[in-house]
Amino acid sequence: MGFLNFVISIHKTFDVEIQEADYSKYGTLNVCVEQLSGHRAE
């Protein structure tokens, strides 16, 4: 799966808007979990 498809899947699954400037923050699974946890808390 390409990275863009991965980001799109995150968006669709978790209803989280990910700005293109933030794509680099989602480079590892651990960081993805941290970023998504922060979004869920908001």
Protein backbone atom coordinates (compact mmCIF):
# COMPACT_ATOMS: atom_id res chain seq x y z
CA MET A 1 0.00 0.00 0.00
CA GLY A 2 1.40 3.39 -0.93
CA PHE A 3 1.80 6.06 1.69
CA LEU A 4 -0.93 8.27 0.21
CA ASN A 5 -3.37 5.34 0.33
CA PHE A 6 -2.38 4.81 3.95
CA VAL A 7 -3.15 8.45 4.82
CA ILE A 8 -6.46 8.25 2.95
CA SER A 9 -7.34 5.09 4.89
CA ILE A 10 -6.62 6.84 8.18
CA HIS A 11 -8.88 9.69 7.10
CA LYS A 12 -11.74 7.38 6.10
CA THR A 13 -11.44 5.06 9.09
CA PHE A 14 -11.03 7.62 11.86
CA ASP A 15 -12.75 10.64 10.23
CA VAL A 16 -9.59 12.66 10.82
CA GLU A 17 -8.57 15.45 8.47
CA ILE A 18 -4.84 15.21 7.80
CA GLN A 19 -3.27 18.23 6.18
CA GLU A 20 -0.70 17.54 3.49
CA ALA A 21 1.87 19.51 5.50
CA ASP A 22 1.40 16.96 8.34
CA TYR A 23 1.94 13.81 6.23
CA SER A 24 5.53 13.51 7.45
CA LYS A 25 4.22 13.14 11.01
CA TYR A 26 2.63 9.83 10.04
CA GLY A 27 5.85 8.11 8.97
CA THR A 28 5.82 5.35 11.59
CA LEU A 29 3.07 3.31 13.19
CA ASN A 30 3.95 4.52 16.69
CA VAL A 31 3.71 8.16 15.62
CA CYS A 32 0.41 7.43 13.86
CA VAL A 33 -1.01 6.07 17.11
CA GLU A 34 0.24 9.13 19.02
CA GLN A 35 -1.19 11.54 16.43
CA LEU A 36 -4.54 9.77 16.29
CA SER A 37 -4.76 9.60 20.08
CA GLY A 38 -4.29 13.35 20.18
CA HIS A 39 -7.04 13.86 17.60
CA ARG A 40 -9.46 11.66 19.51
CA ALA A 41 -8.87 13.63 22.71
CA GLU A 42 -9.84 16.92 21.05
